[in-house]
């Protein structure tokens, strides 16, 4: 699996011990500050995304994990459009990989940066269930995962310098 993510040209890819993933209410609570604008407006975001104990159980049900990142250029630190565009590219790449691996029968689960963006408008806004529950990818933060701590624990580069934004993802799998 690691070779797959490297071949897909992710910036950094590291094997992780699933027991090193810290899930905290504090991280989840940051979502309630709603800086992204999706709190309560997406099935893959709090408060509807599921409870933290369930995520702990789900994560530990897998055998292996890979933490990976990609870096995207932005005009400056105020380039919100560039940041959103990078985030969408990151998510789309993960979406393609997940779809391909699942079609091969690989038991895998992904977490990404930011909210799910499969649908232009999430079904939660019309009180409907998720239209793509097997394809939707929750964010690391929505699952309460401390990305900063995790990336530092594995000597990954969290800040790649000015005019760059770094996005992280997590792949869990059982071979």
N, C-alpha and C. Protein backbone atom coordinates (compact mmCIF):
# COMPACT_ATOMS: atom_id res chain seq x y z
N UNK A 1 0.81 -1.19 0.00
CA UNK A 1 0.00 0.00 0.00
C UNK A 1 0.86 1.26 0.00
N UNK A 2 1.94 1.23 0.76
CA UNK A 2 2.80 2.40 0.82
C UNK A 2 3.33 2.75 -0.57
N UNK A 3 3.69 1.72 -1.32
CA UNK A 3 4.21 1.94 -2.68
C UNK A 3 3.15 2.59 -3.56
N UNK A 4 1.90 2.22 -3.35
CA UNK A 4 0.80 2.81 -4.12
C UNK A 4 0.72 4.31 -3.88
N UNK A 5 0.76 4.72 -2.61
CA UNK A 5 0.66 6.14 -2.29
C UNK A 5 1.89 6.91 -2.78
N UNK A 6 3.04 6.27 -2.71
CA UNK A 6 4.26 6.91 -3.24
C UNK A 6 4.14 7.06 -4.75
N UNK A 7 3.64 6.04 -5.41
CA UNK A 7 3.46 6.10 -6.88
C UNK A 7 2.46 7.18 -7.27
N UNK A 8 1.51 7.46 -6.39
CA UNK A 8 0.52 8.52 -6.65
C UNK A 8 1.09 9.90 -6.35
N UNK A 9 2.37 9.94 -6.02
CA UNK A 9 3.12 11.18 -5.81
C UNK A 9 2.66 12.01 -4.62
N UNK A 10 2.28 11.34 -3.54
CA UNK A 10 2.05 12.08 -2.31
C UNK A 10 3.40 12.55 -1.80
N UNK A 11 3.42 13.65 -1.10
CA UNK A 11 4.66 14.29 -0.65
C UNK A 11 5.40 13.42 0.37
N UNK A 12 4.70 13.02 1.42
CA UNK A 12 5.28 12.15 2.43
C UNK A 12 4.30 11.03 2.72
N UNK A 13 4.83 9.82 2.94
CA UNK A 13 4.01 8.66 3.26
C UNK A 13 4.76 7.86 4.32
N UNK A 14 4.12 7.65 5.49
CA UNK A 14 4.78 6.89 6.55
C UNK A 14 3.85 5.83 7.13
N UNK A 15 4.44 4.68 7.47
CA UNK A 15 3.72 3.64 8.20
C UNK A 15 3.53 4.12 9.63
N UNK A 16 2.35 3.88 10.18
CA UNK A 16 2.12 4.28 11.56
C UNK A 16 1.57 3.12 12.37
N UNK A 17 1.80 3.21 13.67
CA UNK A 17 1.23 2.27 14.62
C UNK A 17 -0.16 2.79 14.96
N UNK A 18 -1.19 2.01 14.73
CA UNK A 18 -2.56 2.47 14.95
C UNK A 18 -2.81 2.86 16.40
N UNK A 19 -2.06 2.28 17.33
CA UNK A 19 -2.20 2.64 18.73
C UNK A 19 -1.66 4.03 19.05
N UNK A 20 -0.91 4.62 18.10
CA UNK A 20 -0.35 5.97 18.32
C UNK A 20 -1.34 7.07 17.94
N UNK A 21 -2.47 6.69 17.38
CA UNK A 21 -3.46 7.68 16.97
C UNK A 21 -4.24 8.14 18.20
N UNK A 22 -4.10 9.42 18.50
CA UNK A 22 -4.81 10.00 19.64
C UNK A 22 -6.12 10.60 19.15
N UNK A 23 -7.20 10.15 19.75
CA UNK A 23 -8.53 10.68 19.44
C UNK A 23 -9.01 11.42 20.67
N UNK A 24 -9.29 12.71 20.50
CA UNK A 24 -9.70 13.50 21.65
C UNK A 24 -10.94 14.34 21.35
N UNK A 25 -11.69 14.57 22.38
CA UNK A 25 -12.86 15.44 22.28
C UNK A 25 -12.43 16.87 21.97
N UNK A 26 -11.26 17.27 22.47
CA UNK A 26 -10.75 18.63 22.22
C UNK A 26 -10.62 18.91 20.72
N UNK A 27 -10.08 17.95 19.99
CA UNK A 27 -9.93 18.13 18.54
C UNK A 27 -11.32 18.20 17.90
N UNK A 28 -12.20 17.31 18.28
CA UNK A 28 -13.56 17.31 17.74
C UNK A 28 -14.25 18.63 18.05
N UNK A 29 -14.04 19.16 19.25
CA UNK A 29 -14.69 20.41 19.66
C UNK A 29 -14.27 21.59 18.79
N UNK A 30 -13.09 21.53 18.22
CA UNK A 30 -12.66 22.62 17.32
C UNK A 30 -13.58 22.73 16.11
N UNK A 31 -14.15 21.62 15.71
CA UNK A 31 -15.10 21.65 14.58
C UNK A 31 -16.30 22.53 14.92
N UNK A 32 -16.72 22.53 16.17
CA UNK A 32 -17.88 23.32 16.59
C UNK A 32 -17.63 24.82 16.45
N UNK A 33 -16.37 25.23 16.39
CA UNK A 33 -16.05 26.64 16.16
C UNK A 33 -16.46 27.06 14.75
N UNK A 34 -16.62 26.07 13.87
CA UNK A 34 -17.15 26.24 12.51
C UNK A 34 -16.36 27.19 11.62
N UNK A 35 -15.04 27.15 11.72
CA UNK A 35 -14.21 27.99 10.84
C UNK A 35 -14.40 27.62 9.37
N UNK A 36 -14.68 26.37 9.10
CA UNK A 36 -14.85 25.91 7.70
C UNK A 36 -16.26 26.15 7.18
N UNK A 37 -17.21 26.34 8.09
CA UNK A 37 -18.59 26.59 7.68
C UNK A 37 -19.42 25.34 7.44
N UNK A 38 -18.90 24.17 7.79
CA UNK A 38 -19.63 22.92 7.51
C UNK A 38 -20.17 22.22 8.75
N UNK A 39 -19.95 22.78 9.92
CA UNK A 39 -20.46 22.15 11.14
C UNK A 39 -21.98 22.04 11.04
N UNK A 40 -22.48 20.81 11.15
CA UNK A 40 -23.92 20.57 11.06
C UNK A 40 -24.48 20.65 9.64
N UNK A 41 -23.59 20.81 8.65
CA UNK A 41 -24.04 20.98 7.27
C UNK A 41 -23.51 19.90 6.33
N UNK A 42 -22.94 18.84 6.93
CA UNK A 42 -22.38 17.76 6.12
C UNK A 42 -22.44 16.48 6.95
N UNK A 43 -22.84 15.38 6.32
CA UNK A 43 -22.93 14.10 7.04
C UNK A 43 -21.58 13.64 7.58
N UNK A 44 -20.48 14.08 6.98
CA UNK A 44 -19.16 13.66 7.42
C UNK A 44 -18.52 14.64 8.40
N UNK A 45 -19.32 15.55 8.93
CA UNK A 45 -18.85 16.52 9.91
C UNK A 45 -19.68 16.40 11.18
N UNK A 46 -19.10 16.85 12.30
CA UNK A 46 -19.90 16.88 13.53
C UNK A 46 -21.09 17.82 13.37
N UNK A 47 -22.13 17.62 14.08
CA UNK A 47 -22.29 16.59 15.10
C UNK A 47 -22.79 15.25 14.55
N UNK A 48 -23.06 15.14 13.25
CA UNK A 48 -23.69 13.92 12.72
C UNK A 48 -22.73 12.81 12.32
N UNK A 49 -21.45 13.04 12.36
CA UNK A 49 -20.48 12.08 11.82
C UNK A 49 -20.31 10.81 12.67
N UNK A 50 -20.71 10.81 13.89
CA UNK A 50 -20.56 9.61 14.72
C UNK A 50 -19.74 9.91 15.96
N UNK A 51 -19.76 9.00 16.89
CA UNK A 51 -19.08 9.30 18.14
C UNK A 51 -17.64 8.81 18.17
N UNK A 52 -16.85 9.45 19.03
CA UNK A 52 -15.40 9.20 19.05
C UNK A 52 -15.04 7.79 19.48
N UNK A 53 -15.79 7.19 20.38
CA UNK A 53 -15.50 5.81 20.78
C UNK A 53 -15.66 4.86 19.60
N UNK A 54 -16.64 5.14 18.75
CA UNK A 54 -16.83 4.31 17.55
C UNK A 54 -15.62 4.43 16.63
N UNK A 55 -15.07 5.64 16.51
CA UNK A 55 -13.88 5.80 15.67
C UNK A 55 -12.69 5.06 16.23
N UNK A 56 -12.52 5.08 17.55
CA UNK A 56 -11.43 4.32 18.17
C UNK A 56 -11.56 2.85 17.81
N UNK A 57 -12.76 2.31 17.95
CA UNK A 57 -12.99 0.89 17.63
C UNK A 57 -12.75 0.61 16.15
N UNK A 58 -13.23 1.48 15.29
CA UNK A 58 -13.06 1.30 13.84
C UNK A 58 -11.58 1.29 13.49
N UNK A 59 -10.84 2.27 13.99
CA UNK A 59 -9.41 2.38 13.67
C UNK A 59 -8.67 1.13 14.13
N UNK A 60 -8.93 0.69 15.33
CA UNK A 60 -8.21 -0.47 15.86
C UNK A 60 -8.67 -1.79 15.26
N UNK A 61 -9.74 -1.76 14.46
CA UNK A 61 -10.18 -2.98 13.78
C UNK A 61 -9.33 -3.27 12.55
N UNK A 62 -8.54 -2.31 12.12
CA UNK A 62 -7.64 -2.50 10.98
C UNK A 62 -6.27 -2.95 11.47
N UNK A 63 -5.47 -3.48 10.57
CA UNK A 63 -4.15 -3.99 10.93
C UNK A 63 -3.04 -2.97 10.71
N UNK A 64 -3.18 -2.13 9.68
CA UNK A 64 -2.08 -1.24 9.30
C UNK A 64 -2.61 0.16 8.98
N UNK A 65 -1.69 1.13 9.07
CA UNK A 65 -2.07 2.49 8.74
C UNK A 65 -0.94 3.24 8.05
N UNK A 66 -1.33 4.15 7.18
CA UNK A 66 -0.38 5.04 6.50
C UNK A 66 -0.87 6.47 6.67
N UNK A 67 0.01 7.32 7.14
CA UNK A 67 -0.26 8.75 7.20
C UNK A 67 0.45 9.36 6.01
N UNK A 68 -0.24 10.21 5.27
CA UNK A 68 0.37 10.77 4.07
C UNK A 68 -0.03 12.23 3.91
N UNK A 69 0.75 12.94 3.11
CA UNK A 69 0.47 14.36 2.91
C UNK A 69 0.78 14.77 1.48
N UNK A 70 0.23 15.93 1.13
CA UNK A 70 0.56 16.55 -0.14
C UNK A 70 0.61 18.05 0.07
N UNK A 71 1.41 18.72 -0.73
CA UNK A 71 1.63 20.16 -0.60
C UNK A 71 1.12 20.84 -1.86
N UNK A 72 0.42 21.95 -1.67
CA UNK A 72 -0.14 22.71 -2.79
C UNK A 72 0.31 24.17 -2.68
N UNK A 73 0.62 24.75 -3.82
CA UNK A 73 1.03 26.16 -3.89
C UNK A 73 -0.20 27.05 -3.77
N UNK A 74 -0.06 28.15 -3.06
CA UNK A 74 -1.09 29.18 -2.98
C UNK A 74 -0.41 30.53 -3.22
N UNK A 75 -1.18 31.53 -3.61
CA UNK A 75 -0.60 32.84 -3.89
C UNK A 75 0.00 33.47 -2.64
N UNK A 76 -0.73 33.40 -1.54
CA UNK A 76 -0.27 33.92 -0.26
C UNK A 76 -1.15 33.32 0.83
N UNK A 77 -0.91 33.71 2.07
CA UNK A 77 -1.65 33.09 3.17
C UNK A 77 -3.12 33.47 3.20
N UNK A 78 -3.54 34.40 2.35
CA UNK A 78 -4.95 34.81 2.26
C UNK A 78 -5.66 34.20 1.05
N UNK A 79 -4.96 33.34 0.32
CA UNK A 79 -5.52 32.74 -0.90
C UNK A 79 -6.46 31.59 -0.55
N UNK A 80 -7.65 31.95 -0.09
CA UNK A 80 -8.64 30.96 0.32
C UNK A 80 -9.03 30.06 -0.85
N UNK A 81 -9.23 30.64 -2.04
CA UNK A 81 -9.59 29.84 -3.23
C UNK A 81 -8.53 28.80 -3.54
N UNK A 82 -7.26 29.20 -3.45
CA UNK A 82 -6.17 28.27 -3.71
C UNK A 82 -6.12 27.15 -2.70
N UNK A 83 -6.43 27.49 -1.43
CA UNK A 83 -6.46 26.47 -0.38
C UNK A 83 -7.60 25.48 -0.62
N UNK A 84 -8.77 26.00 -0.97
CA UNK A 84 -9.93 25.14 -1.25
C UNK A 84 -9.63 24.25 -2.45
N UNK A 85 -9.05 24.83 -3.50
CA UNK A 85 -8.72 24.08 -4.71
C UNK A 85 -7.74 22.94 -4.38
N UNK A 86 -6.71 23.23 -3.58
CA UNK A 86 -5.76 22.19 -3.17
C UNK A 86 -6.44 21.09 -2.38
N UNK A 87 -7.34 21.50 -1.47
CA UNK A 87 -8.07 20.52 -0.67
C UNK A 87 -8.95 19.63 -1.51
N UNK A 88 -9.60 20.21 -2.52
CA UNK A 88 -10.45 19.41 -3.42
C UNK A 88 -9.61 18.43 -4.23
N UNK A 89 -8.47 18.87 -4.72
CA UNK A 89 -7.58 17.99 -5.49
C UNK A 89 -7.11 16.82 -4.61
N UNK A 90 -6.76 17.15 -3.37
CA UNK A 90 -6.30 16.13 -2.43
C UNK A 90 -7.39 15.09 -2.20
N UNK A 91 -8.60 15.56 -1.91
CA UNK A 91 -9.74 14.66 -1.66
C UNK A 91 -10.08 13.82 -2.88
N UNK A 92 -10.09 14.43 -4.05
CA UNK A 92 -10.42 13.70 -5.28
C UNK A 92 -9.42 12.58 -5.53
N UNK A 93 -8.15 12.85 -5.27
CA UNK A 93 -7.11 11.84 -5.45
C UNK A 93 -7.35 10.67 -4.49
N UNK A 94 -7.67 10.98 -3.24
CA UNK A 94 -7.95 9.95 -2.25
C UNK A 94 -9.19 9.15 -2.66
N UNK A 95 -10.20 9.86 -3.13
CA UNK A 95 -11.45 9.22 -3.55
C UNK A 95 -11.18 8.18 -4.65
N UNK A 96 -10.34 8.55 -5.62
CA UNK A 96 -9.99 7.64 -6.72
C UNK A 96 -9.25 6.41 -6.20
N UNK A 97 -8.29 6.63 -5.32
CA UNK A 97 -7.51 5.52 -4.77
C UNK A 97 -8.41 4.58 -3.98
N UNK A 98 -9.28 5.15 -3.13
CA UNK A 98 -10.17 4.32 -2.33
C UNK A 98 -11.08 3.49 -3.22
N UNK A 99 -11.64 4.10 -4.24
CA UNK A 99 -12.54 3.39 -5.16
C UNK A 99 -11.81 2.24 -5.84
N UNK A 100 -10.60 2.51 -6.31
CA UNK A 100 -9.81 1.49 -6.99
C UNK A 100 -9.45 0.33 -6.06
N UNK A 101 -9.01 0.64 -4.85
CA UNK A 101 -8.60 -0.40 -3.90
C UNK A 101 -9.79 -1.24 -3.47
N UNK A 102 -10.91 -0.60 -3.23
CA UNK A 102 -12.11 -1.36 -2.82
C UNK A 102 -12.60 -2.25 -3.96
N UNK A 103 -12.43 -1.81 -5.21
CA UNK A 103 -12.84 -2.63 -6.35
C UNK A 103 -11.97 -3.89 -6.46
N UNK A 104 -10.78 -3.84 -5.88
CA UNK A 104 -9.88 -5.00 -5.84
C UNK A 104 -10.15 -5.89 -4.63
N UNK A 105 -11.11 -5.49 -3.80
CA UNK A 105 -11.44 -6.27 -2.61
C UNK A 105 -10.58 -5.93 -1.40
N UNK A 106 -9.83 -4.84 -1.46
CA UNK A 106 -8.99 -4.43 -0.33
C UNK A 106 -9.89 -3.79 0.73
N UNK A 107 -9.76 -4.26 1.96
CA UNK A 107 -10.49 -3.68 3.08
C UNK A 107 -9.72 -2.45 3.54
N UNK A 108 -10.23 -1.26 3.21
CA UNK A 108 -9.52 -0.04 3.55
C UNK A 108 -10.51 1.07 3.93
N UNK A 109 -9.99 2.01 4.68
CA UNK A 109 -10.77 3.16 5.11
C UNK A 109 -9.85 4.37 5.07
N UNK A 110 -10.37 5.48 4.58
CA UNK A 110 -9.59 6.72 4.49
C UNK A 110 -10.20 7.81 5.33
N UNK A 111 -9.34 8.69 5.82
CA UNK A 111 -9.71 9.95 6.44
C UNK A 111 -8.95 11.02 5.67
N UNK A 112 -9.52 12.19 5.58
CA UNK A 112 -8.87 13.24 4.80
C UNK A 112 -8.95 14.57 5.54
N UNK A 113 -8.43 15.58 4.90
CA UNK A 113 -8.53 16.95 5.41
C UNK A 113 -9.85 17.54 4.94
N UNK A 114 -10.49 18.30 5.78
CA UNK A 114 -11.70 19.00 5.37
C UNK A 114 -12.91 18.10 5.24
N UNK A 115 -13.98 18.69 4.77
CA UNK A 115 -15.26 18.01 4.70
C UNK A 115 -15.41 17.20 3.42
N UNK A 116 -16.34 16.27 3.43
CA UNK A 116 -16.67 15.49 2.24
C UNK A 116 -17.20 16.45 1.18
N UNK A 117 -16.82 16.20 -0.05
CA UNK A 117 -17.25 17.10 -1.14
C UNK A 117 -17.78 16.33 -2.34
N UNK A 118 -18.25 15.11 -2.12
CA UNK A 118 -18.78 14.31 -3.23
C UNK A 118 -19.99 15.00 -3.86
N UNK A 119 -20.90 15.46 -3.03
CA UNK A 119 -22.12 16.11 -3.52
C UNK A 119 -21.96 17.63 -3.49
N UNK A 120 -22.55 18.31 -4.47
CA UNK A 120 -22.51 19.78 -4.45
C UNK A 120 -23.21 20.30 -3.21
N UNK A 121 -24.31 19.65 -2.85
CA UNK A 121 -25.04 20.00 -1.64
C UNK A 121 -25.30 18.72 -0.86
N UNK A 122 -24.82 18.68 0.37
CA UNK A 122 -24.98 17.48 1.18
C UNK A 122 -26.46 17.22 1.48
N UNK A 123 -26.83 15.96 1.46
CA UNK A 123 -28.21 15.54 1.72
C UNK A 123 -28.67 15.91 3.13
N UNK A 124 -27.75 16.17 4.02
CA UNK A 124 -28.14 16.54 5.38
C UNK A 124 -28.97 17.83 5.39
N UNK A 125 -28.73 18.69 4.40
CA UNK A 125 -29.43 19.97 4.33
C UNK A 125 -30.91 19.82 4.00
N UNK A 126 -31.28 18.66 3.46
CA UNK A 126 -32.69 18.38 3.15
C UNK A 126 -33.22 17.22 3.98
N UNK A 127 -32.53 16.95 5.09
CA UNK A 127 -32.93 15.89 6.03
C UNK A 127 -32.99 14.50 5.39
N UNK A 128 -32.07 14.24 4.48
CA UNK A 128 -31.99 12.93 3.82
C UNK A 128 -30.73 12.22 4.28
N UNK A 129 -30.69 10.89 4.18
CA UNK A 129 -29.45 10.17 4.52
C UNK A 129 -28.38 10.43 3.47
N UNK A 130 -27.15 10.13 3.82
CA UNK A 130 -26.03 10.30 2.90
C UNK A 130 -26.29 9.50 1.62
N UNK A 131 -26.06 10.14 0.48
CA UNK A 131 -26.29 9.49 -0.81
C UNK A 131 -25.19 8.48 -1.16
N UNK A 132 -24.01 8.67 -0.59
CA UNK A 132 -22.86 7.82 -0.92
C UNK A 132 -22.14 7.36 0.36
N UNK A 133 -22.82 6.62 1.21
CA UNK A 133 -22.22 6.26 2.50
C UNK A 133 -20.95 5.41 2.40
N UNK A 134 -20.78 4.64 1.34
CA UNK A 134 -19.57 3.82 1.22
C UNK A 134 -18.43 4.58 0.55
N UNK A 135 -18.71 5.75 0.01
CA UNK A 135 -17.68 6.55 -0.66
C UNK A 135 -17.30 7.79 0.14
N UNK A 136 -18.16 8.22 1.04
CA UNK A 136 -17.91 9.43 1.81
C UNK A 136 -16.71 9.23 2.73
N UNK A 137 -15.90 10.27 2.86
CA UNK A 137 -14.68 10.20 3.66
C UNK A 137 -14.74 11.26 4.75
N UNK A 138 -14.71 10.83 6.02
CA UNK A 138 -14.70 11.83 7.10
C UNK A 138 -13.34 12.51 7.22
N UNK A 139 -13.34 13.67 7.83
CA UNK A 139 -12.07 14.35 8.05
C UNK A 139 -11.39 13.76 9.28
N UNK A 140 -10.08 13.93 9.34
CA UNK A 140 -9.32 13.49 10.50
C UNK A 140 -9.83 14.19 11.76
N UNK A 141 -10.07 15.50 11.64
CA UNK A 141 -10.52 16.28 12.80
C UNK A 141 -11.92 15.87 13.26
N UNK A 142 -12.80 15.57 12.32
CA UNK A 142 -14.15 15.13 12.69
C UNK A 142 -14.10 13.84 13.50
N UNK A 143 -13.09 13.02 13.23
CA UNK A 143 -12.91 11.78 13.99
C UNK A 143 -12.14 12.02 15.28
N UNK A 144 -11.79 13.28 15.55
CA UNK A 144 -11.08 13.62 16.78
C UNK A 144 -9.59 13.32 16.73
N UNK A 145 -9.05 13.08 15.54
CA UNK A 145 -7.64 12.71 15.40
C UNK A 145 -6.78 13.98 15.39
N UNK A 146 -5.78 14.00 16.28
CA UNK A 146 -4.86 15.13 16.38
C UNK A 146 -3.79 14.99 15.30
N UNK A 147 -4.03 15.65 14.18
CA UNK A 147 -3.14 15.55 13.02
C UNK A 147 -1.77 16.16 13.32
N UNK A 148 -1.75 17.27 14.03
CA UNK A 148 -0.47 17.92 14.35
C UNK A 148 0.39 16.97 15.17
N UNK A 149 -0.17 16.42 16.23
CA UNK A 149 0.58 15.49 17.08
C UNK A 149 1.04 14.27 16.30
N UNK A 150 0.14 13.72 15.50
CA UNK A 150 0.45 12.50 14.75
C UNK A 150 1.56 12.75 13.72
N UNK A 151 1.46 13.85 13.00
CA UNK A 151 2.49 14.16 11.99
C UNK A 151 3.85 14.40 12.65
N UNK A 152 3.85 15.07 13.78
CA UNK A 152 5.11 15.31 14.50
C UNK A 152 5.70 14.03 15.05
N UNK A 153 4.85 13.13 15.53
CA UNK A 153 5.32 11.86 16.08
C UNK A 153 6.07 11.05 15.02
N UNK A 154 5.74 11.26 13.77
CA UNK A 154 6.37 10.51 12.68
C UNK A 154 7.29 11.39 11.83
N UNK A 155 7.72 12.51 12.40
CA UNK A 155 8.67 13.43 11.77
C UNK A 155 8.25 13.88 10.37
N UNK A 156 6.96 14.10 10.20
CA UNK A 156 6.46 14.61 8.93
C UNK A 156 6.46 16.14 8.98
N UNK A 157 6.53 16.75 7.83
CA UNK A 157 6.57 18.20 7.74
C UNK A 157 5.15 18.74 7.73
N UNK A 158 4.77 19.44 8.80
CA UNK A 158 3.42 19.99 8.91
C UNK A 158 3.31 21.32 8.18
N UNK A 159 4.35 22.14 8.29
CA UNK A 159 4.37 23.44 7.62
C UNK A 159 5.48 23.42 6.58
N UNK A 160 5.12 23.51 5.32
CA UNK A 160 6.10 23.43 4.23
C UNK A 160 6.51 24.79 3.68
N UNK A 161 6.35 25.83 4.47
CA UNK A 161 6.84 27.16 4.10
C UNK A 161 5.77 28.08 3.57
N UNK A 162 6.19 29.31 3.26
CA UNK A 162 5.24 30.32 2.79
C UNK A 162 4.65 29.94 1.42
N UNK A 163 3.45 30.40 1.19
CA UNK A 163 2.75 30.17 -0.08
C UNK A 163 2.52 28.69 -0.39
N UNK A 164 2.40 27.92 0.67
CA UNK A 164 2.12 26.48 0.51
C UNK A 164 1.12 26.06 1.58
N UNK A 165 0.27 25.12 1.21
CA UNK A 165 -0.65 24.53 2.17
C UNK A 165 -0.45 23.02 2.11
N UNK A 166 -0.41 22.39 3.29
CA UNK A 166 -0.18 20.95 3.38
C UNK A 166 -1.44 20.28 3.90
N UNK A 167 -1.87 19.23 3.19
CA UNK A 167 -3.04 18.46 3.60
C UNK A 167 -2.59 17.04 3.97
N UNK A 168 -3.22 16.50 5.01
CA UNK A 168 -2.90 15.15 5.49
C UNK A 168 -4.08 14.21 5.30
N UNK A 169 -3.75 12.95 5.08
CA UNK A 169 -4.74 11.91 4.98
C UNK A 169 -4.26 10.68 5.74
N UNK A 170 -5.18 9.80 6.03
CA UNK A 170 -4.87 8.56 6.74
C UNK A 170 -5.54 7.42 6.01
N UNK A 171 -4.78 6.38 5.74
CA UNK A 171 -5.32 5.16 5.13
C UNK A 171 -5.16 4.02 6.12
N UNK A 172 -6.26 3.37 6.43
CA UNK A 172 -6.25 2.17 7.26
C UNK A 172 -6.55 1.00 6.36
N UNK A 173 -5.87 -0.10 6.58
CA UNK A 173 -6.14 -1.25 5.70
C UNK A 173 -5.74 -2.55 6.37
N UNK A 174 -6.28 -3.62 5.81
CA UNK A 174 -5.94 -4.97 6.23
C UNK A 174 -5.60 -5.73 4.97
N UNK A 175 -4.41 -6.28 4.94
CA UNK A 175 -4.00 -7.03 3.75
C UNK A 175 -4.34 -8.49 3.90
